[in-house]
Amino acid sequence: MPVLTKNIPSVFGRYVEPFCGSACLFFETSNKEALLSDINHDLINALDEIKKNKNLRSLLIDMENTEENYYRIRSLDPEKLNKTDRAVRFLYLNRYCFNGVYRTNKSGKFNVPRGTKTGSFPSQEVFDLAREKLKHAELTVADYKQTLKRLREGDFVYIDPPYSKHGKFTGEYGPESFNSSCIPNFIDELSLIDSRGVKFLFSYRACDETISLLKECYNVETVAVKRHVSGFKTGWNEAKEILVRNYG
């Protein structure tokens, strides 16, 4: 996060994030207007409920953290729940699942087992701060290409796609998610963004092919980061990422 915040442009209009995930960089910015999007309907719905529902944390802490209750809640079909219950299900499972992993099967069903060393929910103050911040954000379920089409001059867009192996379904974000085969076309998208007067910061796994395609046109920096994508600490390691930006 310190590296990312250091790379945010000093002046920009709207903040845009087409793969918003945890939206952690958004919560670190002081900008008043934002567009946050993702293909994960449950995620966007949960953020929307945090934005609108002052009682959301109370609903969450009233729920039993037991194995029986976890699998009962996981078995619920989110499509059949109202907005609040759907958000509660998503946040409950994300808090109490194994290692905080988000993973679905090919049918899009969340299938992570319950964790045994999970923490509690953040304080009400944290929920209140998040709600206040999200008041200035438009939240939408959309493919990243749809969101990029909505960019306008003066925007700053942070682009942090999920990582995946070429041509393989990893199960983490669903069968329609961004993968490494999208990179060549995505680089063309960056050129269009640049031509429209939009500042972008793009972070991704470092590889020689991608770096060679980008370094002649943009500022490219390689950084070392801790990756916690493995379910076990033995798989946690330091990885190389690239930060690409079209501004000084």
Protein backbone atom coordinates (compact mmCIF):
# COMPACT_ATOMS: atom_id res chain seq x y z
CA MET A 1 0.00 0.00 0.00
CA PRO A 2 2.77 2.55 0.74
CA VAL A 3 4.17 1.92 -2.74
CA LEU A 4 0.77 2.32 -4.39
CA THR A 5 -0.12 5.52 -2.55
CA LYS A 6 3.26 6.97 -3.48
CA ASN A 7 2.37 6.38 -7.13
CA ILE A 8 -1.06 8.04 -7.07
CA PRO A 9 -1.02 11.22 -9.19
CA SER A 10 -1.10 14.43 -7.18
CA VAL A 11 -3.97 15.91 -9.20
CA PHE A 12 -6.93 14.11 -10.77
CA GLY A 13 -10.71 14.24 -10.96
CA ARG A 14 -12.66 11.03 -10.48
CA TYR A 15 -11.13 7.83 -9.07
CA VAL A 16 -12.04 4.70 -11.09
CA GLU A 17 -11.32 1.06 -10.29
CA PRO A 18 -12.65 -1.61 -12.70
CA PHE A 19 -11.38 -4.60 -10.65
CA CYS A 20 -12.26 -3.14 -7.29
CA GLY A 21 -11.92 -6.26 -5.09
CA SER A 22 -11.30 -4.99 -1.56
CA ALA A 23 -11.06 -1.42 -2.95
CA CYS A 24 -8.19 -0.87 -0.51
CA LEU A 25 -6.53 1.86 -2.59
CA PHE A 26 -9.86 3.66 -2.94
CA PHE A 27 -10.18 3.78 0.86
CA GLU A 28 -6.68 5.30 1.06
CA THR A 29 -7.47 8.15 -1.35
CA SER A 30 -8.99 11.45 -0.33
CA ASN A 31 -10.84 11.97 -3.58
CA LYS A 32 -14.55 12.77 -3.30
CA GLU A 33 -15.90 11.09 -6.46
CA ALA A 34 -15.36 7.48 -7.55
CA LEU A 35 -16.58 4.71 -9.84
CA LEU A 36 -16.01 1.19 -8.47
CA SER A 37 -16.92 -1.88 -10.49
CA ASP A 38 -16.36 -5.62 -10.57
CA ILE A 39 -17.91 -8.69 -12.18
CA ASN A 40 -18.61 -10.14 -8.72
CA HIS A 41 -22.24 -9.29 -7.96
CA ASP A 42 -21.96 -10.37 -4.31
CA LEU A 43 -18.98 -8.08 -3.75
CA ILE A 44 -20.64 -5.00 -5.25
CA ASN A 45 -23.85 -5.72 -3.37
CA ALA A 46 -21.91 -6.02 -0.10
CA LEU A 47 -20.19 -2.67 -0.67
CA ASP A 48 -23.55 -1.11 -1.49
CA GLU A 49 -25.03 -2.43 1.76
CA ILE A 50 -22.04 -1.14 3.75
CA LYS A 51 -22.73 2.20 2.08
CA LYS A 52 -26.44 2.30 2.95
CA ASN A 53 -27.10 0.07 5.96
CA LYS A 54 -25.97 1.39 9.38
CA ASN A 55 -27.02 -1.86 11.08
CA LEU A 56 -25.02 -4.26 8.92
CA ARG A 57 -22.31 -4.97 11.49
CA SER A 58 -24.92 -5.71 14.17
CA LEU A 59 -26.45 -8.34 11.92
CA LEU A 60 -23.05 -9.92 11.34
CA ILE A 61 -21.88 -10.12 14.95
CA ASP A 62 -25.20 -11.64 16.00
CA MET A 63 -24.53 -14.68 13.80
CA GLU A 64 -22.95 -17.77 15.33
CA ASN A 65 -19.46 -18.63 14.17
CA THR A 66 -19.87 -22.39 14.21
CA GLU A 67 -19.10 -25.08 11.67
CA GLU A 68 -22.77 -26.00 11.35
CA ASN A 69 -23.84 -22.41 10.77
CA TYR A 70 -21.01 -21.73 8.32
CA TYR A 71 -21.98 -24.55 5.99
CA ARG A 72 -25.68 -23.75 6.34
CA ILE A 73 -25.02 -20.18 5.22
CA ARG A 74 -22.66 -21.29 2.46
CA SER A 75 -25.38 -23.59 1.07
CA LEU A 76 -27.84 -20.69 0.64
CA ASP A 77 -28.45 -19.54 -2.92
CA PRO A 78 -27.51 -15.83 -2.98
CA GLU A 79 -29.81 -15.25 -5.95
CA LYS A 80 -32.79 -16.05 -3.73
CA LEU A 81 -31.83 -13.65 -0.92
CA ASN A 82 -32.72 -10.00 -0.51
CA LYS A 83 -29.93 -7.42 -0.78
CA THR A 84 -29.20 -7.24 2.94
CA ASP A 85 -29.19 -11.01 3.52
CA ARG A 86 -27.03 -11.48 0.45
CA ALA A 87 -24.48 -8.99 1.77
CA VAL A 88 -24.51 -10.61 5.22
CA ARG A 89 -23.88 -14.02 3.67
CA PHE A 90 -20.98 -12.72 1.58
CA LEU A 91 -19.28 -10.87 4.45
CA TYR A 92 -19.84 -13.70 6.93
CA LEU A 93 -18.32 -16.30 4.60
CA ASN A 94 -15.42 -14.02 3.68
CA ARG A 95 -14.61 -13.42 7.36
CA TYR A 96 -14.87 -17.03 8.53
CA CYS A 97 -13.69 -19.01 5.50
CA PHE A 98 -10.25 -20.65 5.29
CA ASN A 99 -7.54 -17.97 5.04
CA GLY A 100 -9.98 -15.40 3.66
CA VAL A 101 -9.80 -17.02 0.23
CA TYR A 102 -12.47 -16.18 -2.35
CA ARG A 103 -12.95 -19.12 -4.70
CA THR A 104 -15.81 -20.49 -6.75
CA ASN A 105 -16.40 -23.64 -8.77
CA LYS A 106 -17.16 -23.56 -12.50
CA SER A 107 -20.83 -22.96 -11.68
CA GLY A 108 -19.89 -19.82 -9.77
CA LYS A 109 -20.71 -21.28 -6.34
CA PHE A 110 -18.53 -20.31 -3.39
CA ASN A 111 -16.80 -23.48 -2.18
CA VAL A 112 -14.15 -22.48 0.37
CA PRO A 113 -14.21 -24.52 3.61
CA ARG A 114 -14.51 -22.92 7.03
CA GLY A 115 -11.37 -21.59 8.65
CA THR A 116 -10.32 -22.28 12.23
CA LYS A 117 -8.08 -19.26 12.92
CA THR A 118 -10.20 -16.35 11.73
CA GLY A 119 -10.49 -12.94 13.31
CA SER A 120 -13.55 -10.97 14.32
CA PHE A 121 -15.32 -8.28 12.35
CA PRO A 122 -13.91 -4.73 12.33
CA SER A 123 -15.30 -2.22 14.77
CA GLN A 124 -18.43 -0.17 14.14
CA GLU A 125 -16.15 2.82 13.65
CA VAL A 126 -14.49 1.11 10.68
CA PHE A 127 -17.89 0.32 9.14
CA ASP A 128 -18.94 3.95 9.67
CA LEU A 129 -15.77 5.27 8.03
CA ALA A 130 -16.25 2.93 5.08
CA ARG A 131 -19.89 4.01 4.72
CA GLU A 132 -18.89 7.67 4.74
CA LYS A 133 -16.25 7.07 2.08
CA LEU A 134 -18.61 5.03 -0.12
CA LYS A 135 -21.17 7.86 -0.13
CA HIS A 136 -19.11 9.42 -2.90
CA ALA A 137 -18.78 6.24 -4.96
CA GLU A 138 -20.90 4.82 -7.76
CA LEU A 139 -20.95 1.02 -7.47
CA THR A 140 -21.71 -1.12 -10.48
CA VAL A 141 -21.50 -4.75 -11.60
CA ALA A 142 -19.64 -4.61 -14.90
CA ASP A 143 -16.91 -6.17 -16.98
CA TYR A 144 -13.74 -4.08 -16.95
CA LYS A 145 -14.16 -3.18 -20.64
CA GLN A 146 -17.55 -1.63 -19.90
CA THR A 147 -16.04 0.45 -17.12
CA LEU A 148 -13.07 1.59 -19.21
CA LYS A 149 -15.49 2.87 -21.86
CA ARG A 150 -16.93 5.24 -19.24
CA LEU A 151 -13.60 6.93 -18.53
CA ARG A 152 -13.39 10.64 -19.17
CA GLU A 153 -10.61 13.18 -19.37
CA GLY A 154 -9.18 13.98 -15.94
CA ASP A 155 -10.03 10.59 -14.41
CA PHE A 156 -7.47 8.44 -12.60
CA VAL A 157 -7.97 4.69 -13.05
CA TYR A 158 -6.23 2.06 -10.93
CA ILE A 159 -6.21 -1.29 -12.74
CA ASP A 160 -5.34 -4.38 -10.71
CA PRO A 161 -6.62 -7.50 -12.52
CA PRO A 162 -6.60 -10.95 -10.90
CA TYR A 163 -3.64 -13.18 -11.73
CA SER A 164 -4.09 -16.50 -13.51
CA LYS A 165 -2.16 -19.04 -15.51
CA HIS A 166 -2.54 -18.85 -19.27
CA GLY A 167 -5.64 -20.66 -20.53
CA LYS A 168 -6.47 -22.25 -17.16
CA PHE A 169 -9.49 -21.81 -14.92
CA THR A 170 -8.11 -21.08 -11.46
CA GLY A 171 -11.47 -21.00 -9.70
CA GLU A 172 -10.71 -17.84 -7.75
CA TYR A 173 -12.91 -15.26 -9.47
CA GLY A 174 -15.15 -17.30 -11.72
CA PRO A 175 -14.94 -18.66 -15.28
CA GLU A 176 -15.35 -15.25 -16.96
CA SER A 177 -12.59 -13.47 -15.09
CA PHE A 178 -9.52 -11.74 -16.50
CA ASN A 179 -6.58 -14.03 -17.28
CA SER A 180 -3.12 -13.75 -18.83
CA SER A 181 -4.44 -14.39 -22.36
CA CYS A 182 -6.21 -11.02 -22.09
CA ILE A 183 -2.95 -9.08 -21.72
CA PRO A 184 -2.16 -8.30 -25.41
CA ASN A 185 -5.63 -6.83 -26.02
CA PHE A 186 -5.51 -5.11 -22.66
CA ILE A 187 -2.32 -3.29 -23.63
CA ASP A 188 -4.25 -1.88 -26.61
CA GLU A 189 -6.86 -0.66 -24.11
CA LEU A 190 -4.14 1.20 -22.20
CA SER A 191 -3.21 3.06 -25.37
CA LEU A 192 -6.81 4.18 -25.81
CA ILE A 193 -6.99 5.28 -22.17
CA ASP A 194 -3.82 7.30 -22.59
CA SER A 195 -5.11 9.00 -25.74
CA ARG A 196 -8.23 10.17 -23.88
CA GLY A 197 -6.34 12.15 -21.26
CA VAL A 198 -6.89 9.63 -18.46
CA LYS A 199 -4.14 8.84 -15.96
CA PHE A 200 -3.71 5.15 -15.21
CA LEU A 201 -1.79 2.98 -12.77
CA PHE A 202 -1.65 -0.70 -13.75
CA SER A 203 -0.29 -3.42 -11.47
CA TYR A 204 0.31 -7.01 -12.54
CA ARG A 205 2.61 -9.99 -12.27
CA ALA A 206 6.03 -9.14 -13.68
CA CYS A 207 7.08 -11.05 -16.77
CA ASP A 208 9.60 -10.14 -19.46
CA GLU A 209 7.08 -10.27 -22.31
CA THR A 210 4.68 -7.82 -20.66
CA ILE A 211 7.47 -5.48 -19.58
CA SER A 212 8.92 -5.35 -23.11
CA LEU A 213 5.51 -4.44 -24.53
CA LEU A 214 5.02 -1.58 -22.06
CA LYS A 215 8.37 -0.03 -21.20
CA GLU A 216 8.79 1.90 -24.46
CA CYS A 217 5.55 3.84 -23.95
CA TYR A 218 5.07 4.17 -20.19
CA ASN A 219 6.86 4.39 -16.86
CA VAL A 220 7.42 0.81 -15.66
CA GLU A 221 8.67 -0.05 -12.18
CA THR A 222 9.32 -3.52 -10.79
CA VAL A 223 8.56 -4.01 -7.11
CA ALA A 224 8.79 -6.93 -4.68
CA VAL A 225 5.57 -7.76 -2.83
CA LYS A 226 4.41 -10.41 -0.39
CA ARG A 227 1.87 -12.72 -2.01
CA HIS A 228 -0.58 -14.54 0.29
CA VAL A 229 -2.58 -16.32 -2.41
CA SER A 230 -1.73 -19.80 -1.13
CA GLY A 231 -3.97 -21.44 1.43
CA PHE A 232 -0.94 -22.31 3.57
CA LYS A 233 1.82 -20.09 4.91
CA THR A 234 4.44 -22.37 3.36
CA GLY A 235 3.19 -21.14 -0.02
CA TRP A 236 3.44 -17.46 0.88
CA ASN A 237 6.42 -15.86 -0.79
CA GLU A 238 7.83 -12.72 -2.29
CA ALA A 239 6.89 -12.05 -5.90
CA LYS A 240 7.77 -9.47 -8.50
CA GLU A 241 5.08 -7.11 -9.75
CA ILE A 242 5.14 -4.28 -12.23
CA LEU A 243 3.61 -0.87 -11.73
CA VAL A 244 2.88 0.87 -15.02
CA ARG A 245 1.79 4.50 -15.23
CA ASN A 246 1.38 7.08 -18.00
CA TYR A 247 2.36 10.09 -15.91
CA GLY A 248 5.50 11.34 -14.19
